[in-house]
Protein backbone atom coordinates (compact mmCIF):
# COMPACT_ATOMS: atom_id res chain seq x y z
CA MET A 1 -61.86 -5.75 -3.43
CA SER A 2 -61.45 -6.89 0.22
CA ILE A 3 -61.38 -10.49 1.73
CA ALA A 4 -62.22 -11.34 5.00
CA ILE A 5 -61.58 -15.22 6.54
CA GLU A 6 -63.43 -15.84 9.80
CA LYS A 7 -62.90 -18.48 11.96
CA VAL A 8 -61.64 -20.89 9.32
CA TRP A 9 -60.90 -24.65 10.04
CA LYS A 10 -59.84 -27.16 7.47
CA SER A 11 -58.37 -30.67 8.31
CA PHE A 12 -56.94 -33.53 6.14
CA GLY A 13 -57.56 -37.42 7.31
CA GLY A 14 -58.50 -35.91 10.77
CA VAL A 15 -55.35 -33.88 10.90
CA PRO A 16 -56.09 -29.96 11.29
CA ALA A 17 -54.19 -27.95 8.89
CA VAL A 18 -55.74 -24.63 9.48
CA LYS A 19 -56.99 -23.99 12.61
CA GLY A 20 -59.55 -21.21 13.44
CA VAL A 21 -57.79 -18.60 11.34
CA SER A 22 -59.44 -15.25 10.86
CA LEU A 23 -57.66 -12.62 9.11
CA PRO A 24 -58.97 -9.48 6.85
CA VAL A 25 -57.30 -8.31 3.43
CA PRO A 26 -58.27 -4.76 2.48
CA SER A 27 -58.70 -4.15 -0.96
CA GLY A 28 -55.73 -3.11 -3.00
CA GLU A 29 -53.36 -4.68 -0.25
CA LEU A 30 -50.45 -7.05 -1.41
CA VAL A 31 -50.56 -9.87 1.65
CA ALA A 32 -47.72 -12.44 1.98
CA LEU A 33 -48.69 -15.79 3.73
CA LEU A 34 -45.36 -16.94 5.22
CA GLY A 35 -44.30 -19.97 6.97
CA PRO A 36 -42.33 -23.13 6.71
CA SER A 37 -43.74 -26.48 5.06
CA GLY A 38 -46.80 -27.43 6.81
CA SER A 39 -48.03 -24.34 8.43
CA GLY A 40 -51.13 -24.15 6.63
CA LYS A 41 -50.55 -21.12 4.17
CA THR A 42 -51.46 -23.01 0.93
CA THR A 43 -54.45 -24.49 2.23
CA LEU A 44 -55.67 -21.40 3.42
CA LEU A 45 -54.82 -19.88 -0.05
CA ARG A 46 -56.84 -22.71 -1.54
CA VAL A 47 -59.59 -22.02 0.71
CA ILE A 48 -60.00 -18.24 -0.68
CA ALA A 49 -59.76 -19.47 -3.81
CA GLY A 50 -62.44 -22.14 -3.37
CA LEU A 51 -60.53 -25.17 -4.25
CA GLU A 52 -60.78 -26.25 -0.85
CA ARG A 53 -64.13 -26.29 1.42
CA PRO A 54 -63.48 -25.39 5.03
CA ASP A 55 -64.84 -27.91 7.46
CA SER A 56 -65.99 -24.57 9.52
CA GLY A 57 -65.78 -20.98 9.07
CA ARG A 58 -66.56 -18.40 6.46
CA VAL A 59 -64.81 -16.59 3.88
CA PHE A 60 -66.21 -13.00 2.64
CA PHE A 61 -65.63 -11.39 -0.55
CA ASP A 62 -66.46 -7.41 -0.33
CA GLY A 63 -68.57 -8.36 2.60
CA GLU A 64 -70.66 -10.91 1.08
CA GLU A 65 -70.13 -14.57 1.83
CA ALA A 66 -68.63 -16.51 -0.69
CA THR A 67 -67.81 -19.93 1.50
CA PHE A 68 -69.79 -21.68 -0.81
CA ARG A 69 -69.53 -20.41 -4.21
CA ALA A 70 -67.70 -22.22 -7.05
CA VAL A 71 -64.18 -21.36 -8.21
CA ARG A 72 -65.59 -19.66 -11.01
CA GLU A 73 -68.19 -17.34 -9.59
CA ARG A 74 -65.35 -16.22 -7.23
CA LYS A 75 -63.35 -14.36 -9.88
CA VAL A 76 -60.18 -14.96 -8.66
CA GLY A 77 -56.65 -15.73 -10.85
CA PHE A 78 -54.76 -18.37 -9.31
CA VAL A 79 -51.06 -18.53 -10.42
CA PHE A 80 -49.27 -21.70 -9.62
CA GLN A 81 -45.46 -22.66 -8.68
CA HIS A 82 -45.04 -24.56 -11.72
CA TYR A 83 -46.69 -22.28 -14.11
CA ALA A 84 -49.71 -25.14 -15.31
CA LEU A 85 -49.12 -23.74 -19.21
CA PHE A 86 -50.53 -25.47 -21.69
CA ARG A 87 -47.55 -26.85 -23.70
CA HIS A 88 -49.41 -26.96 -26.69
CA LEU A 89 -50.45 -23.58 -27.12
CA THR A 90 -48.37 -20.33 -28.22
CA VAL A 91 -48.14 -17.62 -25.56
CA PHE A 92 -50.76 -15.57 -27.08
CA ASP A 93 -52.98 -18.69 -26.80
CA ASN A 94 -52.05 -19.26 -23.18
CA ILE A 95 -52.76 -15.86 -22.16
CA ALA A 96 -56.04 -15.70 -24.19
CA PHE A 97 -57.43 -18.83 -22.64
CA GLY A 98 -59.61 -17.98 -20.01
CA LEU A 99 -61.07 -15.50 -22.41
CA ALA A 100 -61.76 -17.98 -25.05
CA VAL A 101 -63.40 -20.49 -22.79
CA LYS A 102 -65.81 -17.95 -21.35
CA PRO A 103 -69.54 -18.12 -22.22
CA ARG A 104 -70.97 -17.35 -25.26
CA LYS A 105 -72.79 -14.68 -23.71
CA VAL A 106 -70.10 -12.91 -21.89
CA ARG A 107 -67.07 -14.24 -24.19
CA PRO A 108 -65.26 -11.06 -25.75
CA GLY A 109 -65.23 -10.95 -29.79
CA LYS A 110 -61.60 -11.88 -31.23
CA ARG A 111 -60.62 -8.73 -31.84
CA GLU A 112 -61.21 -7.36 -28.13
CA ILE A 113 -59.25 -10.46 -27.01
CA ALA A 114 -56.22 -9.83 -29.20
CA GLU A 115 -56.20 -6.05 -27.67
CA LYS A 116 -56.49 -7.20 -24.29
CA VAL A 117 -53.90 -10.08 -24.98
CA ASN A 118 -51.27 -7.81 -26.64
CA ALA A 119 -51.73 -5.18 -24.13
CA LEU A 120 -50.80 -8.20 -21.21
CA LEU A 121 -47.73 -8.92 -23.40
CA LYS A 122 -46.41 -5.64 -23.31
CA LEU A 123 -47.39 -5.63 -19.34
CA ILE A 124 -44.93 -8.29 -19.00
CA GLN A 125 -42.41 -7.60 -21.54
CA LEU A 126 -42.87 -10.49 -23.81
CA GLU A 127 -44.66 -8.78 -26.78
CA GLN A 128 -41.88 -10.41 -29.37
CA MET A 129 -42.46 -13.96 -27.96
CA ALA A 130 -46.46 -14.09 -28.71
CA ASP A 131 -45.85 -17.20 -31.28
CA ARG A 132 -43.68 -19.40 -28.95
CA TYR A 133 -44.51 -22.22 -27.28
CA PRO A 134 -43.61 -22.55 -23.45
CA ALA A 135 -40.91 -24.87 -23.66
CA GLN A 136 -39.24 -22.06 -25.94
CA LEU A 137 -39.32 -19.80 -22.70
CA SER A 138 -36.95 -19.55 -19.60
CA GLY A 139 -38.40 -20.41 -16.34
CA GLY A 140 -39.03 -16.67 -15.42
CA GLN A 141 -40.58 -15.59 -18.80
CA ARG A 142 -43.01 -18.76 -18.33
CA GLN A 143 -43.87 -17.47 -14.67
CA ARG A 144 -44.66 -13.85 -16.10
CA VAL A 145 -46.90 -15.67 -18.99
CA ALA A 146 -48.83 -17.44 -16.32
CA LEU A 147 -49.26 -14.24 -14.28
CA ALA A 148 -50.62 -12.42 -17.59
CA ARG A 149 -53.20 -15.47 -17.83
CA ALA A 150 -54.29 -15.09 -14.19
CA LEU A 151 -54.83 -11.07 -15.11
CA ALA A 152 -56.42 -11.52 -18.55
CA VAL A 153 -60.20 -12.56 -16.87
CA GLU A 154 -59.76 -9.41 -14.89
CA PRO A 155 -60.00 -11.32 -11.80
CA ARG A 156 -61.08 -9.22 -8.59
CA VAL A 157 -58.43 -11.10 -6.34
CA LEU A 158 -54.99 -12.67 -7.75
CA LEU A 159 -53.99 -15.34 -5.31
CA LEU A 160 -50.21 -16.92 -6.20
CA ASP A 161 -48.58 -20.27 -4.33
CA GLU A 162 -44.85 -19.92 -4.02
CA PRO A 163 -44.91 -18.07 -7.67
CA PHE A 164 -41.03 -17.99 -7.75
CA GLY A 165 -40.22 -21.25 -5.70
CA ALA A 166 -39.17 -23.27 -8.89
CA LEU A 167 -36.88 -20.21 -10.49
CA ASP A 168 -33.34 -19.69 -9.32
CA ALA A 169 -32.24 -17.08 -7.15
CA ARG A 170 -31.51 -14.39 -9.77
CA VAL A 171 -34.48 -14.69 -11.76
CA ARG A 172 -36.56 -15.38 -8.21
CA GLN A 173 -35.15 -11.77 -7.22
CA GLU A 174 -36.28 -10.02 -10.45
CA LEU A 175 -39.29 -11.35 -10.83
CA ARG A 176 -40.54 -10.35 -7.36
CA ARG A 177 -39.59 -6.78 -7.77
CA TRP A 178 -41.50 -6.79 -11.39
CA LEU A 179 -44.35 -8.30 -9.20
CA ARG A 180 -44.08 -5.27 -6.95
CA ARG A 181 -44.33 -2.33 -9.48
CA LEU A 182 -47.27 -4.55 -11.44
CA HIS A 183 -48.95 -4.34 -8.20
CA ASP A 184 -48.47 -0.64 -7.75
CA ASP A 185 -49.75 -0.14 -11.19
CA LEU A 186 -52.96 -2.57 -11.18
CA LYS A 187 -53.77 -2.18 -7.18
CA ILE A 188 -55.43 -5.36 -7.19
CA THR A 189 -56.03 -7.13 -4.01
CA SER A 190 -53.16 -10.04 -4.06
CA VAL A 191 -52.34 -12.74 -1.60
CA PHE A 192 -49.19 -14.80 -1.85
CA VAL A 193 -47.97 -17.87 -0.47
CA THR A 194 -43.95 -18.07 0.22
CA HIS A 195 -41.80 -19.64 3.15
CA ASP A 196 -39.22 -17.15 1.48
CA GLN A 197 -38.61 -14.50 4.50
CA GLU A 198 -36.70 -12.41 2.19
CA GLU A 199 -39.03 -12.31 -0.79
CA ALA A 200 -42.00 -11.64 1.80
CA LEU A 201 -40.08 -8.52 3.19
CA GLU A 202 -39.36 -7.17 -0.12
CA VAL A 203 -42.53 -7.48 -1.86
CA ALA A 204 -45.43 -7.35 0.41
CA ASP A 205 -47.73 -4.67 2.11
CA ARG A 206 -48.16 -7.09 5.08
CA ILE A 207 -46.78 -10.26 6.09
CA VAL A 208 -48.76 -13.32 8.03
CA VAL A 209 -46.70 -15.20 9.59
CA MET A 210 -48.04 -18.99 9.98
CA ASN A 211 -47.09 -21.64 11.82
CA GLU A 212 -48.66 -25.14 12.70
CA GLY A 213 -51.94 -24.10 11.19
CA GLU A 214 -52.47 -20.78 13.10
CA ILE A 215 -51.18 -17.08 12.88
CA GLU A 216 -48.31 -16.24 14.58
CA GLN A 217 -48.06 -12.53 13.64
CA GLU A 218 -49.49 -10.13 11.03
CA GLY A 219 -48.43 -6.67 10.28
CA THR A 220 -46.31 -4.61 8.01
CA PRO A 221 -42.73 -6.10 7.05
CA LEU A 222 -41.06 -3.47 9.66
CA GLU A 223 -43.21 -4.56 12.06
CA VAL A 224 -42.90 -8.31 12.24
CA TYR A 225 -39.46 -7.58 11.83
CA ASP A 226 -38.60 -5.06 14.05
CA HIS A 227 -41.20 -5.98 16.46
CA PRO A 228 -41.31 -9.87 16.74
CA ALA A 229 -44.57 -10.99 18.36
CA THR A 230 -43.18 -14.80 19.53
CA PRO A 231 -40.08 -16.38 19.64
CA PHE A 232 -41.05 -18.32 16.45
CA VAL A 233 -41.43 -15.06 14.56
CA PHE A 234 -38.14 -13.93 15.61
CA ASP A 235 -36.30 -17.05 14.85
CA PHE A 236 -38.18 -17.19 11.23
CA LEU A 237 -37.66 -13.68 10.06
CA GLY A 238 -33.78 -13.83 10.06
CA LYS A 239 -30.52 -15.52 10.94
CA VAL A 240 -30.67 -15.95 14.90
CA ASN A 241 -28.27 -17.30 17.40
CA LEU A 242 -29.59 -18.93 20.41
CA PHE A 243 -27.84 -18.71 23.37
CA ARG A 244 -28.26 -19.90 27.08
CA GLY A 245 -26.94 -18.76 30.19
CA ARG A 246 -27.73 -17.91 33.74
CA ALA A 247 -28.93 -13.94 34.48
CA SER A 248 -28.42 -12.54 37.96
CA HIS A 249 -29.66 -9.17 39.08
CA GLY A 250 -31.13 -8.58 35.50
CA ARG A 251 -27.84 -9.38 33.77
CA PHE A 252 -27.06 -11.80 31.25
CA PRO A 253 -24.90 -13.90 31.53
CA ALA A 254 -23.98 -13.84 35.28
CA GLY A 255 -20.20 -14.69 35.36
CA GLU A 256 -17.48 -15.63 37.93
CA PRO A 257 -16.15 -12.88 37.75
CA PRO A 258 -18.86 -10.46 36.69
CA VAL A 259 -18.89 -9.65 32.92
CA PRO A 260 -20.83 -6.72 31.48
CA GLY A 261 -24.33 -7.67 30.93
CA LEU A 262 -26.02 -8.31 27.40
CA LEU A 263 -29.41 -7.29 29.17
CA PRO A 264 -28.15 -5.00 32.13
CA SER A 265 -31.56 -2.99 32.76
CA LEU A 266 -34.19 -6.07 32.59
CA LYS A 267 -35.49 -8.02 35.08
CA LEU A 268 -34.83 -11.68 34.37
CA PRO A 269 -35.37 -15.23 35.56
CA LYS A 270 -32.35 -17.29 36.86
CA LEU A 271 -32.36 -19.45 33.83
CA CYS A 272 -32.81 -17.55 30.64
CA PRO A 273 -32.62 -18.49 27.04
CA ALA A 274 -32.05 -15.60 24.66
CA SER A 275 -32.05 -15.37 20.78
CA PHE A 276 -29.59 -12.43 19.06
CA ARG A 277 -30.33 -11.27 15.51
CA ASP A 278 -28.24 -8.22 14.79
CA VAL A 279 -24.45 -7.76 16.36
CA ASP A 280 -22.22 -4.88 16.08
CA ILE A 281 -18.61 -5.90 16.67
CA GLU A 282 -15.73 -3.57 17.36
CA HIS A 283 -12.07 -3.87 18.72
CA GLN A 284 -12.98 -2.08 21.57
CA PRO A 285 -16.19 -1.45 23.65
CA VAL A 286 -18.61 1.26 22.61
CA ASP A 287 -20.46 1.01 26.00
CA ASP A 288 -20.75 -1.47 29.18
CA ARG A 289 -23.27 -3.59 27.33
CA ALA A 290 -20.31 -4.63 25.11
CA VAL A 291 -19.36 -8.53 25.52
CA PRO A 292 -15.79 -9.88 24.84
CA ALA A 293 -15.68 -12.63 22.20
CA LYS A 294 -12.95 -14.24 20.67
CA VAL A 295 -13.15 -14.92 16.51
CA SER A 296 -13.23 -18.41 16.02
CA PHE A 297 -14.15 -18.91 12.29
CA LEU A 298 -13.66 -16.69 9.19
CA LEU A 299 -15.22 -17.09 5.86
CA PRO A 300 -15.53 -14.76 2.43
CA VAL A 301 -19.16 -15.50 1.14
CA GLY A 302 -19.43 -13.06 -1.78
CA PRO A 303 -19.89 -9.53 -0.66
CA LEU A 304 -20.23 -10.66 2.95
CA VAL A 305 -17.66 -12.33 5.49
CA ARG A 306 -19.10 -14.81 7.58
CA VAL A 307 -17.82 -14.79 11.18
CA GLU A 308 -17.86 -16.99 14.18
CA LEU A 309 -17.32 -15.84 17.53
CA VAL A 310 -17.36 -17.56 20.93
CA PHE A 311 -17.84 -16.17 24.54
CA ASP A 312 -17.24 -17.09 27.98
CA GLY A 313 -20.33 -18.14 29.90
CA PHE A 314 -22.03 -19.12 26.85
CA ASP A 315 -22.48 -22.77 25.53
CA SER A 316 -23.07 -21.97 21.97
CA SER A 317 -21.38 -19.38 19.32
CA LEU A 318 -22.46 -16.71 17.72
CA GLU A 319 -22.34 -16.48 13.70
CA LEU A 320 -22.75 -13.25 11.82
CA ASP A 321 -22.47 -11.99 8.13
CA LEU A 322 -20.51 -8.53 7.71
CA PRO A 323 -20.39 -6.39 4.64
CA ARG A 324 -16.88 -6.85 3.08
CA ASP A 325 -16.11 -3.29 3.87
CA THR A 326 -16.69 -3.42 7.53
CA ALA A 327 -14.74 -6.70 7.58
CA ASP A 328 -12.03 -5.12 5.78
CA ARG A 329 -12.17 -1.93 8.10
CA LEU A 330 -11.82 -4.30 11.46
CA ALA A 331 -9.07 -6.57 9.57
CA LEU A 332 -10.28 -9.37 11.36
CA ARG A 333 -8.13 -12.59 12.30
CA VAL A 334 -8.98 -16.07 13.88
CA GLY A 335 -8.15 -15.32 17.30
CA ASP A 336 -8.74 -11.67 17.53
CA VAL A 337 -10.60 -10.50 20.79
CA VAL A 338 -13.53 -8.49 19.68
CA PHE A 339 -16.48 -6.71 21.57
CA ALA A 340 -19.94 -7.59 20.41
CA LEU A 341 -23.01 -5.73 20.78
CA PRO A 342 -26.45 -7.30 19.92
CA LYS A 343 -29.27 -4.83 18.60
CA GLN A 344 -32.14 -6.99 19.63
CA VAL A 345 -32.41 -9.85 21.76
CA GLU A 346 -35.45 -12.37 22.35
CA SER A 347 -35.96 -14.13 25.25
CA VAL A 348 -38.59 -16.74 26.31
CA THR A 349 -40.04 -14.11 28.62
CA GLY A 350 -40.71 -11.75 25.94
CA ASP A 351 -39.49 -9.40 23.46
CA TYR A 352 -36.37 -7.38 24.19
CA GLN A 353 -34.73 -4.37 22.36
CA ILE A 354 -31.47 -2.60 23.33
C-alpha cells in the first residue's frame, strides 16, 4: 500500500515539530526517516499512524485520504523502541493479542489464530520460546516478538520507531539485517525512524534526511551519501572534517609559498569553509592534488587505526579511520609526513567531488 504525505504541519505548544512536509512512499518500499533528536521524524511517523493529528495537511493511503481516520481503521502495525510487550502474557499470547481482541464478527477462530502465531514464531525463529514470558527473553528476542505481534494483524503498513535503539551494538546489527530479509520476503510498505546513519544506509530502500522539522534530502542510500544536497546531509551521513582556509584562483587553501590545491579546478570565493569525508593517504603524492600533512596521533581501534593529520594553512586537523591492513602497509609513525587526497569535498557554495 502506498502512502502520501501532503504539506503536513504539526506543532506542540506553539513550537512546530513538522513544517509543511510532503513525502510519497511507494507500495512495498522500506523508507528510513533519519535525523537527529528533535528533527520531527517521530512526529511524522505518529501522524502516519494516526497517533497524532496534523494541524494542517493531509495523509493518503493508496490514494484515499486517511487524515482523520482512527488508528484501527488505518490498519497499520506499530513497533516501539521499548517493545511494549505485555509482561503477564507468554510470547504466544503476546503475538496473538491483536487477533484475539478483534470484534467478534471478524475475529479468527482459535485454530486459525494458533496457525498464524506458529507461522510467525517460525518466521522470527523463536518456535521453542512460545511459552516463555518477556522477562525470560533477551532484548533482541523481545523486539522480534514485538515485530511478530505487529505483523499478526496483517497490517497494510508497518511503522517502526527506533526499533533497535535500546539494544547493544551487536544485537542491533543482527536485527537490522534480519529486518531487511523479512521485508524482502513480505514486501510490506514500511517506514522506520532512526538516528543511526549506518542503520539507515544498510536497511532502507530510500532515506529521508530530516532536520528541524523539514526534509533536507531524500533518495537511495547511495544517492544521499555520495551526492548530499546540503552541508547538513554531508555532515550527518558520515565522519566529516571541517576546514577553514583561504581560496585563491580556484585553489584551496592559498598558501605562501603556494601549495597544491585541494580544489584546483573550481571557482571558489576568497574565504571558503570546506568539509572532507573520505581521504586517501600515501607516503608519496599520487597526483598534484595531494596535500602534505604530518601525522600527529595514532590509535588502534579494533580493526581500524585512527589517524590525526595536521596541515600547514589549516586551522584544524583531519581525523580518519584506516583499515588495519592499510595502516600496517603504510607503517605510520607519529611525526611522519604523508600526502592526503580527499575523495569528496563539500563547501558552503555547493557539493564538489574530486
